[in-house]
């Protein structure tokens, strides 16, 4: 996500373990969602063009490519406002390039993609900017193509540390003219933008002790703590009400709470189809 004060910066760029957090997020989310794409796209068709906006490390594209036959001959493109997390080693089928979702997209990308995907990026543009970003991404899909967004609903909290983390996110999002209830609005924005066959599925991803898979308990607890650390680094340079001591304690409190009691990451997965005519 971008920082509204500098549209060329990634919100979590000061998190020293951001690449690990991104990899853990992909593993945990897809493990619970069951698959990376819920839009009813026909993946048996070869030569698909797939765009992952706000791709960060490109891990979503890499994961999707692994699930599809190598003979599919698909084109995978990932974009982000900074190449900071682009991996040096990646599949030759994957192309990563710099693109700010707030800025115009290349003209020759209009109406060419079978699937346009974006995850956890709308808070960077806020409630007022989100409909424009959605409209621009719809412009990239070919007639009959699909759009899928996945966004967390941070208002679902379980324990005191998680609640404190939510309040901190609220304050940081406010500095970006955003808030924490963007996810439930996406379905309506898709419909208002003229998409057809709009669908929405809500996933309450169990974290830490709540996850029934022992392997995922530790991974999901660490993922959430790493996210907390990234947000704390942002908060240290933001006008928030949290004291330095409270910020220092938040990450360890989150880690302990997730490991002992667990929590939930609510995700909205929303998809829609661009009209054929």
Protein backbone atom coordinates (compact mmCIF):
# COMPACT_ATOMS: atom_id res chain seq x y z
CA UNK A 1 0.00 0.00 0.00
CA UNK A 2 1.11 3.52 -0.68
CA UNK A 3 1.44 6.28 1.85
CA UNK A 4 -0.90 9.12 0.87
CA UNK A 5 1.78 11.68 1.74
CA UNK A 6 4.08 10.17 -0.88
CA UNK A 7 2.38 8.21 -3.64
CA UNK A 8 5.70 6.65 -4.65
CA UNK A 9 6.21 4.94 -1.30
CA UNK A 10 4.98 1.60 -0.05
CA UNK A 11 3.27 1.86 3.35
CA UNK A 12 5.08 -1.13 4.90
CA UNK A 13 8.48 -0.46 3.36
CA UNK A 14 10.11 0.04 6.78
CA UNK A 15 9.13 -3.44 7.90
CA UNK A 16 12.44 -5.38 7.68
CA UNK A 17 10.57 -8.65 7.29
CA UNK A 18 7.94 -7.51 4.80
CA UNK A 19 8.92 -10.08 2.15
CA UNK A 20 8.42 -12.86 4.70
CA UNK A 21 5.07 -11.39 5.76
CA UNK A 22 3.88 -11.32 2.15
CA UNK A 23 4.87 -14.97 1.62
CA UNK A 24 3.17 -16.05 4.85
CA UNK A 25 0.04 -14.07 3.95
CA UNK A 26 -0.27 -15.84 0.63
CA UNK A 27 0.21 -19.28 2.17
CA UNK A 28 -2.24 -18.70 5.02
CA UNK A 29 -4.93 -16.97 2.97
CA UNK A 30 -4.97 -19.46 0.08
CA UNK A 31 -4.82 -22.39 2.50
CA UNK A 32 -8.09 -21.19 4.03
CA UNK A 33 -9.75 -19.81 0.88
CA UNK A 34 -8.97 -23.04 -0.93
CA UNK A 35 -7.92 -21.36 -4.17
CA UNK A 36 -6.52 -17.98 -5.25
CA UNK A 37 -9.36 -17.16 -7.65
CA UNK A 38 -13.09 -17.39 -6.89
CA UNK A 39 -14.21 -15.52 -9.99
CA UNK A 40 -15.67 -18.23 -12.28
CA UNK A 41 -13.05 -17.81 -15.00
CA UNK A 42 -12.39 -20.76 -17.32
CA UNK A 43 -8.75 -21.63 -16.62
CA UNK A 44 -8.87 -24.51 -19.10
CA UNK A 45 -8.68 -21.92 -21.88
CA UNK A 46 -5.05 -21.37 -22.93
CA UNK A 47 -3.35 -18.04 -23.50
CA UNK A 48 -5.05 -16.11 -20.72
CA UNK A 49 -3.75 -12.65 -19.80
CA UNK A 50 -3.75 -12.13 -16.03
CA UNK A 51 -2.91 -8.91 -14.17
CA UNK A 52 -2.12 -8.65 -10.46
CA UNK A 53 -2.31 -5.02 -9.41
CA UNK A 54 -0.39 -4.01 -6.25
CA UNK A 55 1.55 -7.26 -6.62
CA UNK A 56 4.35 -6.44 -4.10
CA UNK A 57 6.58 -9.53 -4.30
CA UNK A 58 4.49 -11.18 -7.03
CA UNK A 59 3.75 -14.10 -4.73
CA UNK A 60 0.07 -14.29 -5.77
CA UNK A 61 1.04 -14.61 -9.44
CA UNK A 62 3.67 -17.23 -8.66
CA UNK A 63 1.15 -19.22 -6.66
CA UNK A 64 -1.49 -19.01 -9.38
CA UNK A 65 0.95 -20.05 -12.11
CA UNK A 66 1.91 -23.15 -10.11
CA UNK A 67 -1.73 -24.24 -9.93
CA UNK A 68 -2.26 -24.07 -13.71
CA UNK A 69 -0.87 -26.40 -16.39
CA UNK A 70 2.50 -25.30 -17.77
CA UNK A 71 1.17 -25.71 -21.30
CA UNK A 72 -1.47 -23.03 -20.64
CA UNK A 73 0.80 -20.45 -22.25
CA UNK A 74 -0.70 -17.74 -20.06
CA UNK A 75 0.70 -14.24 -19.64
CA UNK A 76 1.15 -13.09 -16.03
CA UNK A 77 1.78 -9.40 -15.29
CA UNK A 78 2.26 -7.90 -11.84
CA UNK A 79 2.47 -4.18 -11.08
CA UNK A 80 3.30 -2.10 -8.03
CA UNK A 81 4.35 1.46 -7.34
CA UNK A 82 7.83 0.32 -6.29
CA UNK A 83 10.06 -2.57 -7.42
CA UNK A 84 11.32 -2.88 -3.84
CA UNK A 85 9.94 -6.39 -3.35
CA UNK A 86 10.16 -7.70 -6.92
CA UNK A 87 12.04 -11.03 -6.72
CA UNK A 88 15.17 -11.44 -8.82
CA UNK A 89 14.30 -15.05 -9.60
CA UNK A 90 10.87 -15.70 -11.07
CA UNK A 91 9.15 -17.63 -13.81
CA UNK A 92 9.82 -16.33 -17.34
CA UNK A 93 6.04 -16.20 -17.80
CA UNK A 94 5.79 -13.49 -15.12
CA UNK A 95 6.53 -9.84 -15.90
CA UNK A 96 6.70 -7.26 -13.12
CA UNK A 97 6.57 -3.53 -13.77
CA UNK A 98 6.10 -0.25 -11.94
CA UNK A 99 2.60 1.23 -11.90
CA UNK A 100 0.81 3.44 -9.38
CA UNK A 101 -2.90 2.56 -9.17
CA UNK A 102 -3.66 6.27 -8.79
CA UNK A 103 -2.10 7.09 -12.16
CA UNK A 104 -3.19 6.34 -15.75
CA UNK A 105 -2.52 2.83 -17.03
CA UNK A 106 -0.77 2.17 -20.37
CA UNK A 107 -3.13 2.68 -23.28
CA UNK A 108 -2.14 -0.60 -24.90
CA UNK A 109 -3.30 -2.46 -21.75
CA UNK A 110 -6.90 -1.38 -22.19
CA UNK A 111 -9.44 -4.18 -22.76
CA UNK A 112 -6.88 -7.02 -22.93
CA UNK A 113 -6.95 -8.92 -19.61
CA UNK A 114 -9.02 -12.01 -18.89
CA UNK A 115 -8.54 -11.50 -15.14
CA UNK A 116 -7.60 -8.41 -13.13
CA UNK A 117 -6.79 -9.11 -9.48
CA UNK A 118 -5.93 -6.85 -6.55
CA UNK A 119 -5.49 -7.60 -2.85
CA UNK A 120 -5.13 -5.33 0.18
CA UNK A 121 -4.50 -2.06 -1.67
CA UNK A 122 -7.67 0.05 -1.50
CA UNK A 123 -6.89 1.71 1.87
CA UNK A 124 -4.01 3.42 0.08
CA UNK A 125 -6.48 5.36 -2.06
CA UNK A 126 -9.29 5.72 0.48
CA UNK A 127 -13.06 5.67 0.16
CA UNK A 128 -13.16 8.61 -2.21
CA UNK A 129 -10.46 7.26 -4.50
CA UNK A 130 -11.55 3.61 -4.54
CA UNK A 131 -14.36 3.90 -7.14
CA UNK A 132 -11.93 5.59 -9.57
CA UNK A 133 -9.31 2.87 -9.05
CA UNK A 134 -11.96 0.20 -9.61
CA UNK A 135 -13.16 1.92 -12.79
CA UNK A 136 -9.61 2.17 -14.13
CA UNK A 137 -8.95 -1.52 -13.48
CA UNK A 138 -12.23 -2.48 -15.16
CA UNK A 139 -10.94 -0.60 -18.20
CA UNK A 140 -8.05 -3.07 -18.40
CA UNK A 141 -10.29 -6.15 -18.54
CA UNK A 142 -11.44 -7.38 -21.92
CA UNK A 143 -15.21 -7.56 -22.56
CA UNK A 144 -16.35 -10.64 -20.68
CA UNK A 145 -13.23 -10.56 -18.49
CA UNK A 146 -13.28 -10.77 -14.71
CA UNK A 147 -12.22 -8.52 -11.83
CA UNK A 148 -11.45 -9.89 -8.36
CA UNK A 149 -10.58 -7.89 -5.25
CA UNK A 150 -9.65 -9.30 -1.84
CA UNK A 151 -9.62 -6.87 1.08
CA UNK A 152 -9.46 -7.35 4.86
CA UNK A 153 -12.16 -6.04 7.19
CA UNK A 154 -10.05 -4.90 10.13
CA UNK A 155 -13.06 -4.20 12.35
CA UNK A 156 -13.27 -7.88 13.37
CA UNK A 157 -11.23 -8.10 16.58
CA UNK A 158 -11.07 -10.75 19.29
CA UNK A 159 -8.71 -9.71 22.09
CA UNK A 160 -7.29 -6.56 23.73
CA UNK A 161 -4.04 -6.55 21.72
CA UNK A 162 -5.96 -7.05 18.48
CA UNK A 163 -8.34 -4.26 19.48
CA UNK A 164 -5.42 -1.92 20.16
CA UNK A 165 -4.00 -2.84 16.76
CA UNK A 166 -7.35 -1.99 15.16
CA UNK A 167 -7.41 1.44 16.83
CA UNK A 168 -3.85 2.08 15.61
CA UNK A 169 -4.84 1.12 12.06
CA UNK A 170 -7.83 3.46 12.27
CA UNK A 171 -5.56 6.36 13.16
CA UNK A 172 -3.03 5.56 10.42
CA UNK A 173 -5.72 5.09 7.80
CA UNK A 174 -7.19 8.44 8.82
CA UNK A 175 -3.89 10.11 7.89
CA UNK A 176 -4.40 8.65 4.39
CA UNK A 177 -8.02 9.90 4.15
CA UNK A 178 -9.09 6.30 4.46
CA UNK A 179 -10.78 4.06 7.00
CA UNK A 180 -11.12 0.43 8.00
CA UNK A 181 -14.53 -0.37 6.48
CA UNK A 182 -13.59 -0.36 2.80
CA UNK A 183 -13.96 -4.12 2.30
CA UNK A 184 -17.77 -4.30 2.81
CA UNK A 185 -18.25 -1.52 0.24
CA UNK A 186 -16.51 -3.25 -2.68
CA UNK A 187 -19.52 -5.30 -3.79
CA UNK A 188 -21.61 -2.13 -4.12
CA UNK A 189 -18.83 -0.30 -5.96
CA UNK A 190 -18.56 -3.19 -8.43
CA UNK A 191 -22.29 -3.06 -9.09
CA UNK A 192 -22.27 0.73 -9.46
CA UNK A 193 -19.40 0.41 -11.96
CA UNK A 194 -21.58 -1.77 -14.17
CA UNK A 195 -20.01 -5.17 -13.56
CA UNK A 196 -22.24 -8.19 -14.02
CA UNK A 197 -22.50 -11.49 -12.12
CA UNK A 198 -21.06 -9.78 -9.03
CA UNK A 199 -20.32 -12.23 -6.23
CA UNK A 200 -18.93 -11.92 -2.73
CA UNK A 201 -17.59 -14.49 -0.31
CA UNK A 202 -16.44 -13.67 3.23
CA UNK A 203 -13.64 -15.69 4.78
CA UNK A 204 -12.84 -15.57 8.48
CA UNK A 205 -9.26 -16.81 8.35
CA UNK A 206 -8.33 -18.33 11.74
CA UNK A 207 -5.08 -17.03 13.16
CA UNK A 208 -2.73 -18.51 15.73
CA UNK A 209 -4.38 -20.80 18.26
CA UNK A 210 -7.72 -20.64 16.41
CA UNK A 211 -6.30 -22.25 13.29
CA UNK A 212 -7.11 -25.98 13.27
CA UNK A 213 -3.88 -26.82 11.44
CA UNK A 214 -0.90 -26.96 13.78
CA UNK A 215 1.52 -25.87 11.05
CA UNK A 216 -0.62 -22.85 10.29
CA UNK A 217 -0.94 -21.83 13.94
CA UNK A 218 2.67 -20.68 14.21
CA UNK A 219 2.80 -19.28 10.68
CA UNK A 220 -0.40 -17.26 11.03
CA UNK A 221 0.61 -15.90 14.44
CA UNK A 222 3.95 -14.79 13.01
CA UNK A 223 2.28 -13.30 9.92
CA UNK A 224 0.01 -11.15 12.09
CA UNK A 225 2.86 -10.07 14.36
CA UNK A 226 4.97 -9.10 11.34
CA UNK A 227 2.07 -7.04 10.06
CA UNK A 228 1.81 -5.40 13.46
CA UNK A 229 5.51 -4.57 13.36
CA UNK A 230 5.18 -2.97 9.93
CA UNK A 231 2.27 -0.82 11.09
CA UNK A 232 4.16 0.18 14.25
CA UNK A 233 7.09 1.36 12.11
CA UNK A 234 4.69 3.56 10.15
CA UNK A 235 3.08 4.82 13.37
CA UNK A 236 6.41 6.01 14.74
CA UNK A 237 6.43 8.69 12.04
CA UNK A 238 2.71 9.42 12.06
CA UNK A 239 0.51 11.65 14.25
CA UNK A 240 -1.04 8.88 16.36
CA UNK A 241 -2.21 8.95 19.98
CA UNK A 242 -0.20 5.87 21.01
CA UNK A 243 2.75 6.44 23.31
CA UNK A 244 6.20 5.14 22.29
CA UNK A 245 5.92 2.54 25.07
CA UNK A 246 2.53 1.33 23.82
CA UNK A 247 3.90 1.01 20.30
CA UNK A 248 6.91 -0.95 21.53
CA UNK A 249 4.72 -3.40 23.44
CA UNK A 250 2.08 -3.89 20.76
CA UNK A 251 3.95 -6.38 18.58
CA UNK A 252 4.89 -8.71 21.45
CA UNK A 253 1.33 -8.42 22.82
CA UNK A 254 -0.07 -9.40 19.43
CA UNK A 255 2.29 -12.34 19.14
CA UNK A 256 1.40 -13.61 22.60
CA UNK A 257 -2.34 -13.13 22.07
CA UNK A 258 -2.37 -14.90 18.72
CA UNK A 259 -0.29 -17.78 20.04
CA UNK A 260 -2.37 -18.30 23.19
CA UNK A 261 -5.92 -17.31 22.18
CA UNK A 262 -5.84 -16.75 18.44
CA UNK A 263 -7.77 -14.34 16.29
CA UNK A 264 -9.53 -13.90 12.97
CA UNK A 265 -8.64 -12.11 9.75
CA UNK A 266 -11.89 -11.37 7.91
CA UNK A 267 -11.45 -11.12 4.15
CA UNK A 268 -13.95 -10.04 1.55
CA UNK A 269 -13.38 -11.71 -1.81
CA UNK A 270 -15.46 -9.88 -4.43
CA UNK A 271 -15.64 -10.56 -8.15
CA UNK A 272 -17.53 -9.31 -11.17
CA UNK A 273 -17.59 -9.66 -14.95
CA UNK A 274 -17.16 -6.86 -17.46
CA UNK A 275 -20.11 -6.76 -19.87
CA UNK A 276 -19.37 -8.37 -23.23
CA UNK A 277 -20.87 -5.49 -25.16
